[in-house]
Amino acid sequence: MALAEVLQGLGSSQTLLTVLSLTLGIITAYLFVNRSSSDRLPPPVKGNWPIIGPTSFWTRRWDFFQEAARHSINGHFSFHVGQHKVVGVTGDEGRKVFLESKQLDATAG
């Protein structure tokens, strides 16, 4: 009988709003806890939103890359796309790390 009352209560707008707020809060907390950066990552770019990352990455990629590299100290930067960490590198040293690193296996995906 208690379950039936709970299910009937879900129809009210206040209960639905509470459930949605709690769900959104849990998802946001989960993303922020998992988005902590390691010390080895370059500093993150500004506007790094939860789930979608920086919006300019999706709309103006080359402009985003140039702007992020320009604002970083050494030309390297990081951001998130969902829970994936993305690192942008520039220059000869960055290109060398990208092409010669054994940890970056292009065939593994």
PDB file of N, CA and C in Angstrom:
ATOM      1  N   MET A   1       0.815  -1.195   0.000  1.00  0.00           N
ATOM      2  CA  MET A   1       0.000   0.000   0.000  1.00  0.00           C
ATOM      3  C   MET A   1       0.858   1.259   0.000  1.00  0.00           C
ATOM      4  N   ALA A   2       1.991   1.238   0.654  1.00  0.00           N
ATOM      5  CA  ALA A   2       2.865   2.401   0.700  1.00  0.00           C
ATOM      6  C   ALA A   2       3.449   2.692  -0.682  1.00  0.00           C
ATOM      7  N   LEU A   3       3.776   1.651  -1.436  1.00  0.00           N
ATOM      8  CA  LEU A   3       4.315   1.836  -2.779  1.00  0.00           C
ATOM      9  C   LEU A   3       3.276   2.487  -3.690  1.00  0.00           C
ATOM     10  N   ALA A   4       2.049   2.089  -3.557  1.00  0.00           N
ATOM     11  CA  ALA A   4       0.987   2.693  -4.362  1.00  0.00           C
ATOM     12  C   ALA A   4       0.842   4.175  -4.047  1.00  0.00           C
ATOM     13  N   GLU A   5       0.978   4.544  -2.781  1.00  0.00           N
ATOM     14  CA  GLU A   5       0.883   5.955  -2.400  1.00  0.00           C
ATOM     15  C   GLU A   5       2.056   6.756  -2.959  1.00  0.00           C
ATOM     16  N   VAL A   6       3.249   6.158  -2.947  1.00  0.00           N
ATOM     17  CA  VAL A   6       4.419   6.847  -3.501  1.00  0.00           C
ATOM     18  C   VAL A   6       4.241   7.059  -4.994  1.00  0.00           C
ATOM     19  N   LEU A   7       3.778   6.029  -5.706  1.00  0.00           N
ATOM     20  CA  LEU A   7       3.577   6.154  -7.144  1.00  0.00           C
ATOM     21  C   LEU A   7       2.506   7.180  -7.479  1.00  0.00           C
ATOM     22  N   GLN A   8       1.475   7.257  -6.658  1.00  0.00           N
ATOM     23  CA  GLN A   8       0.446   8.272  -6.876  1.00  0.00           C
ATOM     24  C   GLN A   8       1.010   9.662  -6.601  1.00  0.00           C
ATOM     25  N   GLY A   9       1.915   9.756  -5.627  1.00  0.00           N
ATOM     26  CA  GLY A   9       2.520  11.041  -5.283  1.00  0.00           C
ATOM     27  C   GLY A   9       3.443  11.571  -6.365  1.00  0.00           C
ATOM     28  N   LEU A  10       3.988  10.687  -7.197  1.00  0.00           N
ATOM     29  CA  LEU A  10       4.867  11.133  -8.270  1.00  0.00           C
ATOM     30  C   LEU A  10       4.139  11.983  -9.294  1.00  0.00           C
ATOM     31  N   GLY A  11       2.846  11.890  -9.311  1.00  0.00           N
ATOM     32  CA  GLY A  11       2.066  12.686 -10.243  1.00  0.00           C
ATOM     33  C   GLY A  11       2.012  14.149  -9.866  1.00  0.00           C
ATOM     34  N   SER A  12       2.256  14.492  -8.602  1.00  0.00           N
ATOM     35  CA  SER A  12       2.195  15.893  -8.203  1.00  0.00           C
ATOM     36  C   SER A  12       3.442  16.619  -8.693  1.00  0.00           C
ATOM     37  N   SER A  13       3.284  17.869  -9.016  1.00  0.00           N
ATOM     38  CA  SER A  13       4.387  18.641  -9.592  1.00  0.00           C
ATOM     39  C   SER A  13       5.507  18.870  -8.576  1.00  0.00           C
ATOM     40  N   GLN A  14       5.173  18.997  -7.304  1.00  0.00           N
ATOM     41  CA  GLN A  14       6.198  19.232  -6.287  1.00  0.00           C
ATOM     42  C   GLN A  14       7.088  17.996  -6.130  1.00  0.00           C
ATOM     43  N   THR A  15       6.521  16.826  -6.126  1.00  0.00           N
ATOM     44  CA  THR A  15       7.305  15.605  -5.998  1.00  0.00           C
ATOM     45  C   THR A  15       8.167  15.393  -7.237  1.00  0.00           C
ATOM     46  N   LEU A  16       7.610  15.623  -8.396  1.00  0.00           N
ATOM     47  CA  LEU A  16       8.362  15.473  -9.634  1.00  0.00           C
ATOM     48  C   LEU A  16       9.526  16.450  -9.684  1.00  0.00           C
ATOM     49  N   LEU A  17       9.299  17.685  -9.255  1.00  0.00           N
ATOM     50  CA  LEU A  17      10.359  18.684  -9.212  1.00  0.00           C
ATOM     51  C   LEU A  17      11.462  18.274  -8.234  1.00  0.00           C
ATOM     52  N   THR A  18      11.088  17.698  -7.108  1.00  0.00           N
ATOM     53  CA  THR A  18      12.066  17.236  -6.127  1.00  0.00           C
ATOM     54  C   THR A  18      12.908  16.093  -6.686  1.00  0.00           C
ATOM     55  N   VAL A  19      12.268  15.139  -7.340  1.00  0.00           N
ATOM     56  CA  VAL A  19      12.985  14.007  -7.918  1.00  0.00           C
ATOM     57  C   VAL A  19      13.942  14.483  -9.006  1.00  0.00           C
ATOM     58  N   LEU A  20      13.499  15.381  -9.868  1.00  0.00           N
ATOM     59  CA  LEU A  20      14.361  15.910 -10.921  1.00  0.00           C
ATOM     60  C   LEU A  20      15.528  16.707 -10.342  1.00  0.00           C
ATOM     61  N   SER A  21      15.283  17.498  -9.310  1.00  0.00           N
ATOM     62  CA  SER A  21      16.349  18.274  -8.686  1.00  0.00           C
ATOM     63  C   SER A  21      17.393  17.371  -8.052  1.00  0.00           C
ATOM     64  N   LEU A  22      16.953  16.338  -7.359  1.00  0.00           N
ATOM     65  CA  LEU A  22      17.896  15.401  -6.749  1.00  0.00           C
ATOM     66  C   LEU A  22      18.715  14.675  -7.814  1.00  0.00           C
ATOM     67  N   THR A  23      18.067  14.251  -8.881  1.00  0.00           N
ATOM     68  CA  THR A  23      18.774  13.568  -9.962  1.00  0.00           C
ATOM     69  C   THR A  23      19.823  14.474 -10.587  1.00  0.00           C
ATOM     70  N   LEU A  24      19.451  15.697 -10.886  1.00  0.00           N
ATOM     71  CA  LEU A  24      20.388  16.651 -11.466  1.00  0.00           C
ATOM     72  C   LEU A  24      21.544  16.938 -10.509  1.00  0.00           C
ATOM     73  N   GLY A  25      21.251  17.062  -9.228  1.00  0.00           N
ATOM     74  CA  GLY A  25      22.296  17.297  -8.233  1.00  0.00           C
ATOM     75  C   GLY A  25      23.270  16.138  -8.139  1.00  0.00           C
ATOM     76  N   ILE A  26      22.771  14.925  -8.180  1.00  0.00           N
ATOM     77  CA  ILE A  26      23.642  13.750  -8.108  1.00  0.00           C
ATOM     78  C   ILE A  26      24.525  13.655  -9.347  1.00  0.00           C
ATOM     79  N   ILE A  27      23.961  13.888 -10.522  1.00  0.00           N
ATOM     80  CA  ILE A  27      24.742  13.837 -11.760  1.00  0.00           C
ATOM     81  C   ILE A  27      25.820  14.919 -11.757  1.00  0.00           C
ATOM     82  N   THR A  28      25.468  16.124 -11.341  1.00  0.00           N
ATOM     83  CA  THR A  28      26.436  17.218 -11.298  1.00  0.00           C
ATOM     84  C   THR A  28      27.561  16.918 -10.321  1.00  0.00           C
ATOM     85  N   ALA A  29      27.213  16.439  -9.131  1.00  0.00           N
ATOM     86  CA  ALA A  29      28.239  16.093  -8.147  1.00  0.00           C
ATOM     87  C   ALA A  29      29.149  14.989  -8.674  1.00  0.00           C
ATOM     88  N   TYR A  30      28.588  13.999  -9.324  1.00  0.00           N
ATOM     89  CA  TYR A  30      29.376  12.899  -9.883  1.00  0.00           C
ATOM     90  C   TYR A  30      30.365  13.408 -10.919  1.00  0.00           C
ATOM     91  N   LEU A  31      29.910  14.300 -11.803  1.00  0.00           N
ATOM     92  CA  LEU A  31      30.793  14.830 -12.832  1.00  0.00           C
ATOM     93  C   LEU A  31      31.903  15.687 -12.245  1.00  0.00           C
ATOM     94  N   PHE A  32      31.578  16.513 -11.238  1.00  0.00           N
ATOM     95  CA  PHE A  32      32.601  17.366 -10.659  1.00  0.00           C
ATOM     96  C   PHE A  32      33.617  16.566  -9.861  1.00  0.00           C
ATOM     97  N   VAL A  33      33.199  15.521  -9.189  1.00  0.00           N
ATOM     98  CA  VAL A  33      34.137  14.696  -8.436  1.00  0.00           C
ATOM     99  C   VAL A  33      35.047  13.948  -9.394  1.00  0.00           C
ATOM    100  N   ASN A  34      34.514  13.413 -10.472  1.00  0.00           N
ATOM    101  CA  ASN A  34      35.313  12.660 -11.429  1.00  0.00           C
ATOM    102  C   ASN A  34      36.126  13.547 -12.359  1.00  0.00           C
ATOM    103  N   ARG A  35      35.881  14.832 -12.365  1.00  0.00           N
ATOM    104  CA  ARG A  35      36.599  15.727 -13.258  1.00  0.00           C
ATOM    105  C   ARG A  35      37.840  16.307 -12.602  1.00  0.00           C
ATOM    106  N   SER A  36      38.199  15.841 -11.424  1.00  0.00           N
ATOM    107  CA  SER A  36      39.397  16.364 -10.794  1.00  0.00           C
ATOM    108  C   SER A  36      40.603  16.012 -11.660  1.00  0.00           C
ATOM    109  N   SER A  37      41.473  16.947 -11.821  1.00  0.00           N
ATOM    110  CA  SER A  37      42.614  16.776 -12.712  1.00  0.00           C
ATOM    111  C   SER A  37      43.810  16.221 -11.959  1.00  0.00           C
ATOM    112  N   SER A  38      44.609  15.487 -12.680  1.00  0.00           N
ATOM    113  CA  SER A  38      45.859  15.039 -12.088  1.00  0.00           C
ATOM    114  C   SER A  38      46.875  16.168 -12.215  1.00  0.00           C
ATOM    115  N   ASP A  39      47.959  16.045 -11.496  1.00  0.00           N
ATOM    116  CA  ASP A  39      48.987  17.083 -11.516  1.00  0.00           C
ATOM    117  C   ASP A  39      49.728  17.129 -12.846  1.00  0.00           C
ATOM    118  N   ARG A  40      49.647  16.076 -13.623  1.00  0.00           N
ATOM    119  CA  ARG A  40      50.391  16.009 -14.872  1.00  0.00           C
ATOM    120  C   ARG A  40      49.642  16.641 -16.042  1.00  0.00           C
ATOM    121  N   LEU A  41      48.365  16.954 -15.874  1.00  0.00           N
ATOM    122  CA  LEU A  41      47.592  17.561 -16.961  1.00  0.00           C
ATOM    123  C   LEU A  41      47.866  19.057 -17.041  1.00  0.00           C
ATOM    124  N   PRO A  42      47.861  19.609 -18.251  1.00  0.00           N
ATOM    125  CA  PRO A  42      47.949  21.071 -18.378  1.00  0.00           C
ATOM    126  C   PRO A  42      46.703  21.708 -17.766  1.00  0.00           C
ATOM    127  N   PRO A  43      46.765  22.989 -17.475  1.00  0.00           N
ATOM    128  CA  PRO A  43      45.603  23.653 -16.861  1.00  0.00           C
ATOM    129  C   PRO A  43      44.392  23.622 -17.785  1.00  0.00           C
ATOM    130  N   PRO A  44      43.191  23.479 -17.224  1.00  0.00           N
ATOM    131  CA  PRO A  44      41.978  23.445 -18.062  1.00  0.00           C
ATOM    132  C   PRO A  44      41.648  24.821 -18.631  1.00  0.00           C
ATOM    133  N   VAL A  45      40.940  24.822 -19.738  1.00  0.00           N
ATOM    134  CA  VAL A  45      40.523  26.065 -20.383  1.00  0.00           C
ATOM    135  C   VAL A  45      39.344  26.662 -19.622  1.00  0.00           C
ATOM    136  N   LYS A  46      39.108  27.944 -19.850  1.00  0.00           N
ATOM    137  CA  LYS A  46      37.954  28.597 -19.236  1.00  0.00           C
ATOM    138  C   LYS A  46      36.691  28.159 -19.966  1.00  0.00           C
ATOM    139  N   GLY A  47      35.583  28.105 -19.255  1.00  0.00           N
ATOM    140  CA  GLY A  47      34.319  27.717 -19.862  1.00  0.00           C
ATOM    141  C   GLY A  47      34.180  26.221 -20.051  1.00  0.00           C
ATOM    142  N   ASN A  48      34.835  25.449 -19.232  1.00  0.00           N
ATOM    143  CA  ASN A  48      34.798  23.991 -19.322  1.00  0.00           C
ATOM    144  C   ASN A  48      33.562  23.491 -18.574  1.00  0.00           C
ATOM    145  N   TRP A  49      32.432  23.423 -19.246  1.00  0.00           N
ATOM    146  CA  TRP A  49      31.149  23.079 -18.641  1.00  0.00           C
ATOM    147  C   TRP A  49      31.039  21.574 -18.372  1.00  0.00           C
ATOM    148  N   PRO A  50      30.258  21.187 -17.355  1.00  0.00           N
ATOM    149  CA  PRO A  50      30.026  19.748 -17.142  1.00  0.00           C
ATOM    150  C   PRO A  50      29.324  19.136 -18.347  1.00  0.00           C
ATOM    151  N   ILE A  51      29.630  17.928 -18.633  1.00  0.00           N
ATOM    152  CA  ILE A  51      29.082  17.098 -19.705  1.00  0.00           C
ATOM    153  C   ILE A  51      29.506  17.578 -21.092  1.00  0.00           C
ATOM    154  N   ILE A  52      29.257  18.817 -21.471  1.00  0.00           N
ATOM    155  CA  ILE A  52      29.524  19.251 -22.846  1.00  0.00           C
ATOM    156  C   ILE A  52      30.919  19.826 -23.045  1.00  0.00           C
ATOM    157  N   GLY A  53      31.611  20.199 -21.978  1.00  0.00           N
ATOM    158  CA  GLY A  53      32.917  20.825 -22.120  1.00  0.00           C
ATOM    159  C   GLY A  53      32.767  22.258 -22.595  1.00  0.00           C
ATOM    160  N   PRO A  54      33.805  22.822 -23.193  1.00  0.00           N
ATOM    161  CA  PRO A  54      33.702  24.190 -23.699  1.00  0.00           C
ATOM    162  C   PRO A  54      32.819  24.246 -24.943  1.00  0.00           C
ATOM    163  N   THR A  55      31.892  25.172 -24.964  1.00  0.00           N
ATOM    164  CA  THR A  55      30.939  25.237 -26.075  1.00  0.00           C
ATOM    165  C   THR A  55      31.628  25.603 -27.387  1.00  0.00           C
ATOM    166  N   SER A  56      32.682  26.406 -27.325  1.00  0.00           N
ATOM    167  CA  SER A  56      33.354  26.790 -28.565  1.00  0.00           C
ATOM    168  C   SER A  56      34.084  25.605 -29.206  1.00  0.00           C
ATOM    169  N   PHE A  57      34.380  24.559 -28.442  1.00  0.00           N
ATOM    170  CA  PHE A  57      34.961  23.353 -29.030  1.00  0.00           C
ATOM    171  C   PHE A  57      33.997  22.728 -30.029  1.00  0.00           C
ATOM    172  N   TRP A  58      32.704  22.815 -29.763  1.00  0.00           N
ATOM    173  CA  TRP A  58      31.694  22.214 -30.633  1.00  0.00           C
ATOM    174  C   TRP A  58      31.296  23.122 -31.781  1.00  0.00           C
ATOM    175  N   THR A  59      31.490  24.423 -31.636  1.00  0.00           N
ATOM    176  CA  THR A  59      31.008  25.346 -32.667  1.00  0.00           C
ATOM    177  C   THR A  59      32.122  25.909 -33.543  1.00  0.00           C
ATOM    178  N   ARG A  60      33.281  26.211 -32.951  1.00  0.00           N
ATOM    179  CA  ARG A  60      34.396  26.821 -33.692  1.00  0.00           C
ATOM    180  C   ARG A  60      35.694  26.128 -33.266  1.00  0.00           C
ATOM    181  N   ARG A  61      35.954  24.949 -33.735  1.00  0.00           N
ATOM    182  CA  ARG A  61      37.077  24.144 -33.232  1.00  0.00           C
ATOM    183  C   ARG A  61      38.433  24.794 -33.435  1.00  0.00           C
ATOM    184  N   TRP A  62      38.727  25.259 -34.636  1.00  0.00           N
ATOM    185  CA  TRP A  62      40.045  25.820 -34.881  1.00  0.00           C
ATOM    186  C   TRP A  62      40.236  27.111 -34.090  1.00  0.00           C
ATOM    187  N   ASP A  63      39.218  27.953 -34.032  1.00  0.00           N
ATOM    188  CA  ASP A  63      39.293  29.171 -33.223  1.00  0.00           C
ATOM    189  C   ASP A  63      39.462  28.824 -31.745  1.00  0.00           C
ATOM    190  N   PHE A  64      38.751  27.797 -31.283  1.00  0.00           N
ATOM    191  CA  PHE A  64      38.877  27.361 -29.897  1.00  0.00           C
ATOM    192  C   PHE A  64      40.306  26.911 -29.607  1.00  0.00           C
ATOM    193  N   PHE A  65      40.874  26.103 -30.500  1.00  0.00           N
ATOM    194  CA  PHE A  65      42.233  25.601 -30.308  1.00  0.00           C
ATOM    195  C   PHE A  65      43.238  26.749 -30.257  1.00  0.00           C
ATOM    196  N   GLN A  66      43.151  27.671 -31.185  1.00  0.00           N
ATOM    197  CA  GLN A  66      44.083  28.800 -31.228  1.00  0.00           C
ATOM    198  C   GLN A  66      43.955  29.673 -29.981  1.00  0.00           C
ATOM    199  N   GLU A  67      42.726  29.935 -29.567  1.00  0.00           N
ATOM    200  CA  GLU A  67      42.508  30.777 -28.392  1.00  0.00           C
ATOM    201  C   GLU A  67      42.994  30.094 -27.112  1.00  0.00           C
ATOM    202  N   ALA A  68      42.719  28.804 -26.974  1.00  0.00           N
ATOM    203  CA  ALA A  68      43.159  28.068 -25.790  1.00  0.00           C
ATOM    204  C   ALA A  68      44.674  28.000 -25.719  1.00  0.00           C
ATOM    205  N   ALA A  69      45.326  27.779 -26.852  1.00  0.00           N
ATOM    206  CA  ALA A  69      46.791  27.731 -26.885  1.00  0.00           C
ATOM    207  C   ALA A  69      47.385  29.101 -26.579  1.00  0.00           C
ATOM    208  N   ARG A  70      46.767  30.145 -27.062  1.00  0.00           N
ATOM    209  CA  ARG A  70      47.257  31.503 -26.833  1.00  0.00           C
ATOM    210  C   ARG A  70      47.152  31.898 -25.359  1.00  0.00           C
ATOM    211  N   HIS A  71      46.095  31.443 -24.677  1.00  0.00           N
ATOM    212  CA  HIS A  71      45.882  31.813 -23.275  1.00  0.00           C
ATOM    213  C   HIS A  71      46.655  30.935 -22.296  1.00  0.00           C
ATOM    214  N   SER A  72      47.202  29.830 -22.763  1.00  0.00           N
ATOM    215  CA  SER A  72      47.964  28.972 -21.856  1.00  0.00           C
ATOM    216  C   SER A  72      49.406  29.456 -21.763  1.00  0.00           C
ATOM    217  N   ILE A  73      50.093  29.037 -20.734  1.00  0.00           N
ATOM    218  CA  ILE A  73      51.466  29.488 -20.504  1.00  0.00           C
ATOM    219  C   ILE A  73      52.423  28.908 -21.547  1.00  0.00           C
ATOM    220  N   ASN A  74      52.309  27.608 -21.787  1.00  0.00           N
ATOM    221  CA  ASN A  74      53.256  26.937 -22.680  1.00  0.00           C
ATOM    222  C   ASN A  74      52.616  26.409 -23.970  1.00  0.00           C
ATOM    223  N   GLY A  75      51.364  26.754 -24.230  1.00  0.00           N
ATOM    224  CA  GLY A  75      50.702  26.294 -25.438  1.00  0.00           C
ATOM    225  C   GLY A  75      49.937  24.996 -25.267  1.00  0.00           C
ATOM    226  N   HIS A  76      50.022  24.382 -24.094  1.00  0.00           N
ATOM    227  CA  HIS A  76      49.304  23.138 -23.826  1.00  0.00           C
ATOM    228  C   HIS A  76      48.110  23.449 -22.924  1.00  0.00           C
ATOM    229  N   PHE A  77      47.011  22.750 -23.136  1.00  0.00           N
ATOM    230  CA  PHE A  77      45.792  22.987 -22.369  1.00  0.00           C
ATOM    231  C   PHE A  77      45.009  21.696 -22.279  1.00  0.00           C
ATOM    232  N   SER A  78      43.999  21.678 -21.428  1.00  0.00           N
ATOM    233  CA  SER A  78      43.144  20.501 -21.289  1.00  0.00           C
ATOM    234  C   SER A  78      41.701  20.941 -21.111  1.00  0.00           C
ATOM    235  N   PHE A  79      40.796  20.020 -21.404  1.00  0.00           N
ATOM    236  CA  PHE A  79      39.367  20.242 -21.184  1.00  0.00           C
ATOM    237  C   PHE A  79      38.690  18.889 -21.148  1.00  0.00           C
ATOM    238  N   HIS A  80      37.406  18.891 -20.855  1.00  0.00           N
ATOM    239  CA  HIS A  80      36.644  17.655 -20.741  1.00  0.00           C
ATOM    240  C   HIS A  80      35.549  17.599 -21.791  1.00  0.00           C
ATOM    241  N   VAL A  81      35.325  16.429 -22.316  1.00  0.00           N
ATOM    242  CA  VAL A  81      34.168  16.142 -23.156  1.00  0.00           C
ATOM    243  C   VAL A  81      33.475  14.978 -22.465  1.00  0.00           C
ATOM    244  N   GLY A  82      32.399  15.279 -21.758  1.00  0.00           N
ATOM    245  CA  GLY A  82      31.794  14.276 -20.887  1.00  0.00           C
ATOM    246  C   GLY A  82      32.772  13.941 -19.783  1.00  0.00           C
ATOM    247  N   GLN A  83      33.099  12.696 -19.634  1.00  0.00           N
ATOM    248  CA  GLN A  83      34.074  12.308 -18.617  1.00  0.00           C
ATOM    249  C   GLN A  83      35.450  12.039 -19.215  1.00  0.00           C
ATOM    250  N   HIS A  84      35.617  12.324 -20.485  1.00  0.00           N
ATOM    251  CA  HIS A  84      36.896  12.112 -21.143  1.00  0.00           C
ATOM    252  C   HIS A  84      37.754  13.365 -21.027  1.00  0.00           C
ATOM    253  N   LYS A  85      38.993  13.188 -20.647  1.00  0.00           N
ATOM    254  CA  LYS A  85      39.933  14.300 -20.563  1.00  0.00           C
ATOM    255  C   LYS A  85      40.634  14.429 -21.910  1.00  0.00           C
ATOM    256  N   VAL A  86      40.641  15.650 -22.440  1.00  0.00           N
ATOM    257  CA  VAL A  86      41.269  15.934 -23.726  1.00  0.00           C
ATOM    258  C   VAL A  86      42.407  16.917 -23.476  1.00  0.00           C
ATOM    259  N   VAL A  87      43.562  16.636 -24.053  1.00  0.00           N
ATOM    260  CA  VAL A  87      44.729  17.495 -23.894  1.00  0.00           C
ATOM    261  C   VAL A  87      45.116  18.029 -25.258  1.00  0.00           C
ATOM    262  N   GLY A  88      45.279  19.339 -25.346  1.00  0.00           N
ATOM    263  CA  GLY A  88      45.736  19.977 -26.567  1.00  0.00           C
ATOM    264  C   GLY A  88      47.195  20.359 -26.423  1.00  0.00           C
ATOM    265  N   VAL A  89      48.005  20.007 -27.407  1.00  0.00           N
ATOM    266  CA  VAL A  89      49.428  20.332 -27.379  1.00  0.00           C
ATOM    267  C   VAL A  89      49.787  21.113 -28.631  1.00  0.00           C
ATOM    268  N   THR A  90      50.814  21.946 -28.537  1.00  0.00           N
ATOM    269  CA  THR A  90      51.267  22.748 -29.668  1.00  0.00           C
ATOM    270  C   THR A  90      52.780  22.688 -29.747  1.00  0.00           C
ATOM    271  N   GLY A  91      53.301  23.072 -30.858  1.00  0.00           N
ATOM    272  CA  GLY A  91      54.740  23.175 -31.036  1.00  0.00           C
ATOM    273  C   GLY A  91      55.400  21.846 -31.346  1.00  0.00           C
ATOM    274  N   ASP A  92      56.713  21.917 -31.554  1.00  0.00           N
ATOM    275  CA  ASP A  92      57.485  20.727 -31.917  1.00  0.00           C
ATOM    276  C   ASP A  92      57.516  19.697 -30.798  1.00  0.00           C
ATOM    277  N   GLU A  93      57.679  20.172 -29.562  1.00  0.00           N
ATOM    278  CA  GLU A  93      57.737  19.243 -28.430  1.00  0.00           C
ATOM    279  C   GLU A  93      56.399  18.521 -28.252  1.00  0.00           C
ATOM    280  N   GLY A  94      55.299  19.237 -28.358  1.00  0.00           N
ATOM    281  CA  GLY A  94      53.989  18.613 -28.248  1.00  0.00           C
ATOM    282  C   GLY A  94      53.728  17.613 -29.361  1.00  0.00           C
ATOM    283  N   ARG A  95      54.141  17.960 -30.562  1.00  0.00           N
ATOM    284  CA  ARG A  95      53.992  17.052 -31.699  1.00  0.00           C
ATOM    285  C   ARG A  95      54.825  15.789 -31.489  1.00  0.00           C
ATOM    286  N   LYS A  96      56.029  15.955 -30.954  1.00  0.00           N
ATOM    287  CA  LYS A  96      56.904  14.809 -30.696  1.00  0.00           C
ATOM    288  C   LYS A  96      56.286  13.879 -29.655  1.00  0.00           C
ATOM    289  N   VAL A  97      55.749  14.446 -28.578  1.00  0.00           N
ATOM    290  CA  VAL A  97      55.102  13.633 -27.538  1.00  0.00           C
ATOM    291  C   VAL A  97      53.912  12.894 -28.121  1.00  0.00           C
ATOM    292  N   PHE A  98      53.120  13.590 -28.933  1.00  0.00           N
ATOM    293  CA  PHE A  98      51.925  12.979 -29.513  1.00  0.00           C
ATOM    294  C   PHE A  98      52.282  11.827 -30.449  1.00  0.00           C
ATOM    295  N   LEU A  99      53.276  12.001 -31.271  1.00  0.00           N
ATOM    296  CA  LEU A  99      53.606  10.983 -32.280  1.00  0.00           C
ATOM    297  C   LEU A  99      54.463   9.847 -31.750  1.00  0.00           C
ATOM    298  N   GLU A 100      55.273  10.103 -30.720  1.00  0.00           N
ATOM    299  CA  GLU A 100      56.214   9.084 -30.265  1.00  0.00           C
ATOM    300  C   GLU A 100      55.839   8.420 -28.947  1.00  0.00           C
ATOM    301  N   SER A 101      54.806   8.868 -28.289  1.00  0.00           N
ATOM    302  CA  SER A 101      54.449   8.301 -26.984  1.00  0.00           C
ATOM    303  C   SER A 101      53.911   6.880 -27.149  1.00  0.00           C
ATOM    304  N   LYS A 102      54.443   5.971 -26.376  1.00  0.00           N
ATOM    305  CA  LYS A 102      53.982   4.577 -26.415  1.00  0.00           C
ATOM    306  C   LYS A 102      52.618   4.438 -25.737  1.00  0.00           C
ATOM    307  N   GLN A 103      52.251   5.389 -24.892  1.00  0.00           N
ATOM    308  CA  GLN A 103      50.969   5.332 -24.203  1.00  0.00           C
ATOM    309  C   GLN A 103      49.816   5.747 -25.103  1.00  0.00           C
ATOM    310  N   LEU A 104      50.095   6.458 -26.168  1.00  0.00           N
ATOM    311  CA  LEU A 104      49.060   6.903 -27.101  1.00  0.00           C
ATOM    312  C   LEU A 104      49.037   5.951 -28.296  1.00  0.00           C
ATOM    313  N   ASP A 105      48.210   4.947 -28.227  1.00  0.00           N
ATOM    314  CA  ASP A 105      48.133   3.944 -29.277  1.00  0.00           C
ATOM    315  C   ASP A 105      46.942   4.258 -30.175  1.00  0.00           C
ATOM    316  N   ALA A 106      47.216   4.720 -31.367  1.00  0.00           N
ATOM    317  CA  ALA A 106      46.146   5.112 -32.295  1.00  0.00           C
ATOM    318  C   ALA A 106      45.318   3.914 -32.745  1.00  0.00           C
ATOM    319  N   THR A 107      45.891   2.731 -32.745  1.00  0.00           N
ATOM    320  CA  THR A 107      45.142   1.560 -33.191  1.00  0.00           C
ATOM    321  C   THR A 107      44.196   1.023 -32.122  1.00  0.00           C
ATOM    322  N   ALA A 108      44.430   1.417 -30.863  1.00  0.00           N
ATOM    323  CA  ALA A 108      43.567   0.944 -29.769  1.00  0.00           C
ATOM    324  C   ALA A 108      42.294   1.777 -29.652  1.00  0.00           C
ATOM    325  N   GLY A 109      42.260   2.952 -30.250  1.00  0.00           N
ATOM    326  CA  GLY A 109      41.075   3.787 -30.197  1.00  0.00           C
ATOM    327  C   GLY A 109      41.108   4.731 -29.125  1.00  0.00           C
TER     328      GLY A 109
END
